[in-house]
Amino acid sequence: MAVPKRRRSKSKKRMNHANWKISTPTFYICDQCGELAMSHNACTKCGFYKGKQVLKVKVKSTPTQEAPTEETPTKE
């Protein structure tokens, strides 16, 4: 096992620990659908990456027209 040759000072140790911080992820706007997607990842909405489709994404079906729901009468 490696053994340090010299003692590390408090300031050097603290300077090293100060660089451990969380950075915010970077995003880009998808060319196909215009949604925000994480860099170097395929778009989760359309499945395209660098102009090529790499994922098959299921399209959520939207109801064409919903029937009116019955509301319970409220006391006024």
PDB file of N, CA and C in Angstrom:
ATOM      1  N   MET A   1       0.844  -1.179   0.000  1.00  0.00           N
ATOM      2  CA  MET A   1       0.000   0.000   0.000  1.00  0.00           C
ATOM      3  C   MET A   1       0.887   1.240   0.000  1.00  0.00           C
ATOM      4  N   ALA A   2       0.483   2.256  -0.750  1.00  0.00           N
ATOM      5  CA  ALA A   2       1.284   3.468  -0.846  1.00  0.00           C
ATOM      6  C   ALA A   2       1.192   4.285   0.435  1.00  0.00           C
ATOM      7  N   VAL A   3       2.326   4.838   0.817  1.00  0.00           N
ATOM      8  CA  VAL A   3       2.402   5.662   2.016  1.00  0.00           C
ATOM      9  C   VAL A   3       2.881   7.045   1.588  1.00  0.00           C
ATOM     10  N   PRO A   4       2.176   8.132   2.017  1.00  0.00           N
ATOM     11  CA  PRO A   4       2.621   9.460   1.628  1.00  0.00           C
ATOM     12  C   PRO A   4       3.996   9.787   2.215  1.00  0.00           C
ATOM     13  N   LYS A   5       4.831  10.441   1.424  1.00  0.00           N
ATOM     14  CA  LYS A   5       6.194  10.748   1.856  1.00  0.00           C
ATOM     15  C   LYS A   5       6.208  11.889   2.865  1.00  0.00           C
ATOM     16  N   ARG A   6       5.317  12.872   2.663  1.00  0.00           N
ATOM     17  CA  ARG A   6       5.263  14.010   3.574  1.00  0.00           C
ATOM     18  C   ARG A   6       3.822  14.243   4.015  1.00  0.00           C
ATOM     19  N   ARG A   7       3.693  14.922   5.137  1.00  0.00           N
ATOM     20  CA  ARG A   7       2.383  15.250   5.679  1.00  0.00           C
ATOM     21  C   ARG A   7       1.734  16.321   4.809  1.00  0.00           C
ATOM     22  N   ARG A   8       0.441  16.192   4.603  1.00  0.00           N
ATOM     23  CA  ARG A   8      -0.291  17.177   3.818  1.00  0.00           C
ATOM     24  C   ARG A   8      -0.823  18.243   4.769  1.00  0.00           C
ATOM     25  N   SER A   9      -0.534  19.507   4.479  1.00  0.00           N
ATOM     26  CA  SER A   9      -0.948  20.590   5.371  1.00  0.00           C
ATOM     27  C   SER A   9      -2.464  20.766   5.338  1.00  0.00           C
ATOM     28  N   LYS A  10      -2.989  21.456   6.354  1.00  0.00           N
ATOM     29  CA  LYS A  10      -4.433  21.681   6.433  1.00  0.00           C
ATOM     30  C   LYS A  10      -4.922  22.508   5.243  1.00  0.00           C
ATOM     31  N   SER A  11      -4.139  23.493   4.843  1.00  0.00           N
ATOM     32  CA  SER A  11      -4.579  24.354   3.738  1.00  0.00           C
ATOM     33  C   SER A  11      -4.617  23.574   2.422  1.00  0.00           C
ATOM     34  N   LYS A  12      -3.609  22.736   2.163  1.00  0.00           N
ATOM     35  CA  LYS A  12      -3.608  21.936   0.934  1.00  0.00           C
ATOM     36  C   LYS A  12      -4.761  20.942   0.946  1.00  0.00           C
ATOM     37  N   LYS A  13      -5.018  20.337   2.094  1.00  0.00           N
ATOM     38  CA  LYS A  13      -6.112  19.373   2.215  1.00  0.00           C
ATOM     39  C   LYS A  13      -7.452  20.061   1.972  1.00  0.00           C
ATOM     40  N   ARG A  14      -7.617  21.250   2.571  1.00  0.00           N
ATOM     41  CA  ARG A  14      -8.876  21.968   2.425  1.00  0.00           C
ATOM     42  C   ARG A  14      -9.072  22.501   1.006  1.00  0.00           C
ATOM     43  N   MET A  15      -7.973  22.910   0.348  1.00  0.00           N
ATOM     44  CA  MET A  15      -8.077  23.356  -1.043  1.00  0.00           C
ATOM     45  C   MET A  15      -8.523  22.207  -1.947  1.00  0.00           C
ATOM     46  N   ASN A  16      -8.018  21.008  -1.676  1.00  0.00           N
ATOM     47  CA  ASN A  16      -8.402  19.841  -2.463  1.00  0.00           C
ATOM     48  C   ASN A  16      -9.876  19.499  -2.255  1.00  0.00           C
ATOM     49  N   HIS A  17     -10.331  19.568  -1.014  1.00  0.00           N
ATOM     50  CA  HIS A  17     -11.729  19.243  -0.710  1.00  0.00           C
ATOM     51  C   HIS A  17     -12.688  20.308  -1.228  1.00  0.00           C
ATOM     52  N   ALA A  18     -12.214  21.536  -1.421  1.00  0.00           N
ATOM     53  CA  ALA A  18     -13.084  22.620  -1.881  1.00  0.00           C
ATOM     54  C   ALA A  18     -13.529  22.409  -3.325  1.00  0.00           C
ATOM     55  N   ASN A  19     -12.806  21.611  -4.096  1.00  0.00           N
ATOM     56  CA  ASN A  19     -13.139  21.407  -5.502  1.00  0.00           C
ATOM     57  C   ASN A  19     -14.206  20.343  -5.707  1.00  0.00           C
ATOM     58  N   TRP A  20     -14.644  19.667  -4.676  1.00  0.00           N
ATOM     59  CA  TRP A  20     -15.681  18.651  -4.785  1.00  0.00           C
ATOM     60  C   TRP A  20     -17.037  19.322  -4.672  1.00  0.00           C
ATOM     61  N   LYS A  21     -17.579  19.736  -5.795  1.00  0.00           N
ATOM     62  CA  LYS A  21     -18.883  20.378  -5.774  1.00  0.00           C
ATOM     63  C   LYS A  21     -19.746  19.821  -6.903  1.00  0.00           C
ATOM     64  N   ILE A  22     -21.024  19.952  -6.739  1.00  0.00           N
ATOM     65  CA  ILE A  22     -21.965  19.439  -7.722  1.00  0.00           C
ATOM     66  C   ILE A  22     -22.194  20.516  -8.778  1.00  0.00           C
ATOM     67  N   SER A  23     -22.116  20.136 -10.039  1.00  0.00           N
ATOM     68  CA  SER A  23     -22.399  21.076 -11.115  1.00  0.00           C
ATOM     69  C   SER A  23     -23.766  20.752 -11.712  1.00  0.00           C
ATOM     70  N   THR A  24     -24.413  21.761 -12.248  1.00  0.00           N
ATOM     71  CA  THR A  24     -25.724  21.547 -12.847  1.00  0.00           C
ATOM     72  C   THR A  24     -25.557  20.866 -14.201  1.00  0.00           C
ATOM     73  N   PRO A  25     -26.446  19.962 -14.564  1.00  0.00           N
ATOM     74  CA  PRO A  25     -26.331  19.292 -15.860  1.00  0.00           C
ATOM     75  C   PRO A  25     -26.622  20.278 -16.998  1.00  0.00           C
ATOM     76  N   THR A  26     -25.991  20.048 -18.134  1.00  0.00           N
ATOM     77  CA  THR A  26     -26.213  20.918 -19.288  1.00  0.00           C
ATOM     78  C   THR A  26     -27.294  20.320 -20.180  1.00  0.00           C
ATOM     79  N   PHE A  27     -28.076  21.190 -20.786  1.00  0.00           N
ATOM     80  CA  PHE A  27     -29.186  20.776 -21.631  1.00  0.00           C
ATOM     81  C   PHE A  27     -29.022  21.353 -23.030  1.00  0.00           C
ATOM     82  N   TYR A  28     -29.695  20.761 -23.990  1.00  0.00           N
ATOM     83  CA  TYR A  28     -29.750  21.294 -25.346  1.00  0.00           C
ATOM     84  C   TYR A  28     -31.183  21.201 -25.835  1.00  0.00           C
ATOM     85  N   ILE A  29     -31.503  21.967 -26.864  1.00  0.00           N
ATOM     86  CA  ILE A  29     -32.846  21.939 -27.443  1.00  0.00           C
ATOM     87  C   ILE A  29     -32.836  20.949 -28.602  1.00  0.00           C
ATOM     88  N   CYS A  30     -33.726  19.986 -28.542  1.00  0.00           N
ATOM     89  CA  CYS A  30     -33.806  18.938 -29.568  1.00  0.00           C
ATOM     90  C   CYS A  30     -34.191  19.558 -30.911  1.00  0.00           C
ATOM     91  N   ASP A  31     -33.488  19.143 -31.971  1.00  0.00           N
ATOM     92  CA  ASP A  31     -33.764  19.669 -33.311  1.00  0.00           C
ATOM     93  C   ASP A  31     -35.088  19.155 -33.865  1.00  0.00           C
ATOM     94  N   GLN A  32     -35.519  17.970 -33.449  1.00  0.00           N
ATOM     95  CA  GLN A  32     -36.728  17.358 -34.002  1.00  0.00           C
ATOM     96  C   GLN A  32     -38.002  17.899 -33.359  1.00  0.00           C
ATOM     97  N   CYS A  33     -38.027  17.898 -32.015  1.00  0.00           N
ATOM     98  CA  CYS A  33     -39.273  18.251 -31.321  1.00  0.00           C
ATOM     99  C   CYS A  33     -39.206  19.559 -30.543  1.00  0.00           C
ATOM    100  N   GLY A  34     -38.005  20.095 -30.317  1.00  0.00           N
ATOM    101  CA  GLY A  34     -37.879  21.361 -29.608  1.00  0.00           C
ATOM    102  C   GLY A  34     -37.891  21.244 -28.094  1.00  0.00           C
ATOM    103  N   GLU A  35     -37.881  20.041 -27.566  1.00  0.00           N
ATOM    104  CA  GLU A  35     -37.872  19.836 -26.120  1.00  0.00           C
ATOM    105  C   GLU A  35     -36.450  19.955 -25.579  1.00  0.00           C
ATOM    106  N   LEU A  36     -36.325  20.245 -24.286  1.00  0.00           N
ATOM    107  CA  LEU A  36     -35.023  20.247 -23.637  1.00  0.00           C
ATOM    108  C   LEU A  36     -34.609  18.812 -23.356  1.00  0.00           C
ATOM    109  N   ALA A  37     -33.350  18.490 -23.640  1.00  0.00           N
ATOM    110  CA  ALA A  37     -32.825  17.150 -23.389  1.00  0.00           C
ATOM    111  C   ALA A  37     -31.427  17.291 -22.803  1.00  0.00           C
ATOM    112  N   MET A  38     -31.000  16.302 -22.036  1.00  0.00           N
ATOM    113  CA  MET A  38     -29.673  16.342 -21.446  1.00  0.00           C
ATOM    114  C   MET A  38     -28.617  16.142 -22.528  1.00  0.00           C
ATOM    115  N   SER A  39     -27.482  16.823 -22.378  1.00  0.00           N
ATOM    116  CA  SER A  39     -26.400  16.717 -23.358  1.00  0.00           C
ATOM    117  C   SER A  39     -25.887  15.288 -23.439  1.00  0.00           C
ATOM    118  N   HIS A  40     -25.504  14.869 -24.632  1.00  0.00           N
ATOM    119  CA  HIS A  40     -24.947  13.544 -24.910  1.00  0.00           C
ATOM    120  C   HIS A  40     -25.914  12.417 -24.570  1.00  0.00           C
ATOM    121  N   ASN A  41     -27.214  12.706 -24.616  1.00  0.00           N
ATOM    122  CA  ASN A  41     -28.255  11.708 -24.392  1.00  0.00           C
ATOM    123  C   ASN A  41     -29.322  11.878 -25.451  1.00  0.00           C
ATOM    124  N   ALA A  42     -30.004  10.791 -25.758  1.00  0.00           N
ATOM    125  CA  ALA A  42     -31.104  10.856 -26.715  1.00  0.00           C
ATOM    126  C   ALA A  42     -32.277  11.601 -26.088  1.00  0.00           C
ATOM    127  N   CYS A  43     -33.028  12.270 -26.916  1.00  0.00           N
ATOM    128  CA  CYS A  43     -34.215  13.002 -26.454  1.00  0.00           C
ATOM    129  C   CYS A  43     -35.238  11.988 -25.944  1.00  0.00           C
ATOM    130  N   THR A  44     -35.787  12.231 -24.775  1.00  0.00           N
ATOM    131  CA  THR A  44     -36.733  11.280 -24.201  1.00  0.00           C
ATOM    132  C   THR A  44     -38.114  11.396 -24.828  1.00  0.00           C
ATOM    133  N   LYS A  45     -38.394  12.508 -25.496  1.00  0.00           N
ATOM    134  CA  LYS A  45     -39.716  12.684 -26.092  1.00  0.00           C
ATOM    135  C   LYS A  45     -39.816  12.050 -27.476  1.00  0.00           C
ATOM    136  N   CYS A  46     -38.783  12.300 -28.340  1.00  0.00           N
ATOM    137  CA  CYS A  46     -38.878  11.789 -29.712  1.00  0.00           C
ATOM    138  C   CYS A  46     -37.891  10.655 -30.008  1.00  0.00           C
ATOM    139  N   GLY A  47     -36.841  10.497 -29.190  1.00  0.00           N
ATOM    140  CA  GLY A  47     -35.902   9.397 -29.375  1.00  0.00           C
ATOM    141  C   GLY A  47     -34.785   9.675 -30.365  1.00  0.00           C
ATOM    142  N   PHE A  48     -34.586  10.926 -30.766  1.00  0.00           N
ATOM    143  CA  PHE A  48     -33.532  11.269 -31.719  1.00  0.00           C
ATOM    144  C   PHE A  48     -32.257  11.683 -30.996  1.00  0.00           C
ATOM    145  N   TYR A  49     -31.109  11.365 -31.604  1.00  0.00           N
ATOM    146  CA  TYR A  49     -29.809  11.797 -31.105  1.00  0.00           C
ATOM    147  C   TYR A  49     -28.919  12.069 -32.302  1.00  0.00           C
ATOM    148  N   LYS A  50     -28.415  13.277 -32.401  1.00  0.00           N
ATOM    149  CA  LYS A  50     -27.569  13.717 -33.514  1.00  0.00           C
ATOM    150  C   LYS A  50     -28.244  13.482 -34.869  1.00  0.00           C
ATOM    151  N   GLY A  51     -29.543  13.772 -34.946  1.00  0.00           N
ATOM    152  CA  GLY A  51     -30.268  13.672 -36.198  1.00  0.00           C
ATOM    153  C   GLY A  51     -30.709  12.278 -36.592  1.00  0.00           C
ATOM    154  N   LYS A  52     -30.433  11.270 -35.765  1.00  0.00           N
ATOM    155  CA  LYS A  52     -30.839   9.901 -36.067  1.00  0.00           C
ATOM    156  C   LYS A  52     -31.741   9.385 -34.956  1.00  0.00           C
ATOM    157  N   GLN A  53     -32.725   8.583 -35.335  1.00  0.00           N
ATOM    158  CA  GLN A  53     -33.600   8.008 -34.325  1.00  0.00           C
ATOM    159  C   GLN A  53     -32.922   6.780 -33.727  1.00  0.00           C
ATOM    160  N   VAL A  54     -32.693   6.825 -32.420  1.00  0.00           N
ATOM    161  CA  VAL A  54     -32.007   5.731 -31.743  1.00  0.00           C
ATOM    162  C   VAL A  54     -32.908   5.025 -30.738  1.00  0.00           C
ATOM    163  N   LEU A  55     -34.034   5.625 -30.393  1.00  0.00           N
ATOM    164  CA  LEU A  55     -34.984   5.019 -29.459  1.00  0.00           C
ATOM    165  C   LEU A  55     -36.369   4.995 -30.078  1.00  0.00           C
ATOM    166  N   LYS A  56     -37.105   3.942 -29.787  1.00  0.00           N
ATOM    167  CA  LYS A  56     -38.506   3.906 -30.175  1.00  0.00           C
ATOM    168  C   LYS A  56     -39.299   4.393 -28.982  1.00  0.00           C
ATOM    169  N   VAL A  57     -39.954   5.516 -29.145  1.00  0.00           N
ATOM    170  CA  VAL A  57     -40.703   6.131 -28.061  1.00  0.00           C
ATOM    171  C   VAL A  57     -42.179   5.921 -28.316  1.00  0.00           C
ATOM    172  N   LYS A  58     -42.875   5.434 -27.302  1.00  0.00           N
ATOM    173  CA  LYS A  58     -44.322   5.253 -27.427  1.00  0.00           C
ATOM    174  C   LYS A  58     -44.990   6.612 -27.331  1.00  0.00           C
ATOM    175  N   VAL A  59     -45.878   6.883 -28.276  1.00  0.00           N
ATOM    176  CA  VAL A  59     -46.596   8.147 -28.286  1.00  0.00           C
ATOM    177  C   VAL A  59     -47.840   7.972 -27.440  1.00  0.00           C
ATOM    178  N   LYS A  60     -48.009   8.874 -26.482  1.00  0.00           N
ATOM    179  CA  LYS A  60     -49.191   8.808 -25.633  1.00  0.00           C
ATOM    180  C   LYS A  60     -50.398   9.261 -26.436  1.00  0.00           C
ATOM    181  N   SER A  61     -51.445   8.441 -26.429  1.00  0.00           N
ATOM    182  CA  SER A  61     -52.644   8.808 -27.170  1.00  0.00           C
ATOM    183  C   SER A  61     -53.440   9.806 -26.347  1.00  0.00           C
ATOM    184  N   THR A  62     -53.888  10.844 -27.007  1.00  0.00           N
ATOM    185  CA  THR A  62     -54.694  11.848 -26.332  1.00  0.00           C
ATOM    186  C   THR A  62     -56.147  11.610 -26.687  1.00  0.00           C
ATOM    187  N   PRO A  63     -57.026  11.689 -25.726  1.00  0.00           N
ATOM    188  CA  PRO A  63     -58.444  11.484 -26.030  1.00  0.00           C
ATOM    189  C   PRO A  63     -58.952  12.614 -26.920  1.00  0.00           C
ATOM    190  N   THR A  64     -59.721  12.236 -27.929  1.00  0.00           N
ATOM    191  CA  THR A  64     -60.213  13.245 -28.881  1.00  0.00           C
ATOM    192  C   THR A  64     -61.221  14.164 -28.219  1.00  0.00           C
ATOM    193  N   GLN A  65     -62.177  13.585 -27.523  1.00  0.00           N
ATOM    194  CA  GLN A  65     -63.133  14.402 -26.808  1.00  0.00           C
ATOM    195  C   GLN A  65     -63.678  13.585 -25.653  1.00  0.00           C
ATOM    196  N   GLU A  66     -63.631  14.165 -24.480  1.00  0.00           N
ATOM    197  CA  GLU A  66     -64.108  13.455 -23.303  1.00  0.00           C
ATOM    198  C   GLU A  66     -65.590  13.751 -23.092  1.00  0.00           C
ATOM    199  N   ALA A  67     -66.286  12.747 -22.566  1.00  0.00           N
ATOM    200  CA  ALA A  67     -67.688  12.935 -22.242  1.00  0.00           C
ATOM    201  C   ALA A  67     -67.779  13.791 -20.982  1.00  0.00           C
ATOM    202  N   PRO A  68     -68.782  14.625 -20.893  1.00  0.00           N
ATOM    203  CA  PRO A  68     -68.903  15.461 -19.688  1.00  0.00           C
ATOM    204  C   PRO A  68     -69.127  14.589 -18.457  1.00  0.00           C
ATOM    205  N   THR A  69     -68.452  14.928 -17.391  1.00  0.00           N
ATOM    206  CA  THR A  69     -68.573  14.156 -16.153  1.00  0.00           C
ATOM    207  C   THR A  69     -69.674  14.759 -15.291  1.00  0.00           C
ATOM    208  N   GLU A  70     -70.318  13.880 -14.548  1.00  0.00           N
ATOM    209  CA  GLU A  70     -71.379  14.355 -13.672  1.00  0.00           C
ATOM    210  C   GLU A  70     -70.735  14.867 -12.389  1.00  0.00           C
ATOM    211  N   GLU A  71     -71.109  16.055 -12.021  1.00  0.00           N
ATOM    212  CA  GLU A  71     -70.576  16.651 -10.803  1.00  0.00           C
ATOM    213  C   GLU A  71     -71.601  16.502  -9.692  1.00  0.00           C
ATOM    214  N   THR A  72     -71.116  16.290  -8.496  1.00  0.00           N
ATOM    215  CA  THR A  72     -72.021  16.167  -7.363  1.00  0.00           C
ATOM    216  C   THR A  72     -72.473  17.562  -6.951  1.00  0.00           C
ATOM    217  N   PRO A  73     -73.747  17.712  -6.629  1.00  0.00           N
ATOM    218  CA  PRO A  73     -74.235  19.046  -6.238  1.00  0.00           C
ATOM    219  C   PRO A  73     -73.622  19.456  -4.892  1.00  0.00           C
ATOM    220  N   THR A  74     -73.294  20.711  -4.796  1.00  0.00           N
ATOM    221  CA  THR A  74     -72.728  21.250  -3.553  1.00  0.00           C
ATOM    222  C   THR A  74     -73.777  22.055  -2.831  1.00  0.00           C
ATOM    223  N   LYS A  75     -73.639  22.089  -1.504  1.00  0.00           N
ATOM    224  CA  LYS A  75     -74.587  22.874  -0.699  1.00  0.00           C
ATOM    225  C   LYS A  75     -74.206  24.341  -0.791  1.00  0.00           C
ATOM    226  N   GLU A  76     -75.168  25.156  -1.089  1.00  0.00           N
ATOM    227  CA  GLU A  76     -74.892  26.592  -1.204  1.00  0.00           C
ATOM    228  C   GLU A  76     -75.615  27.358  -0.148  1.00  0.00           C
TER     229      GLU A  76
END
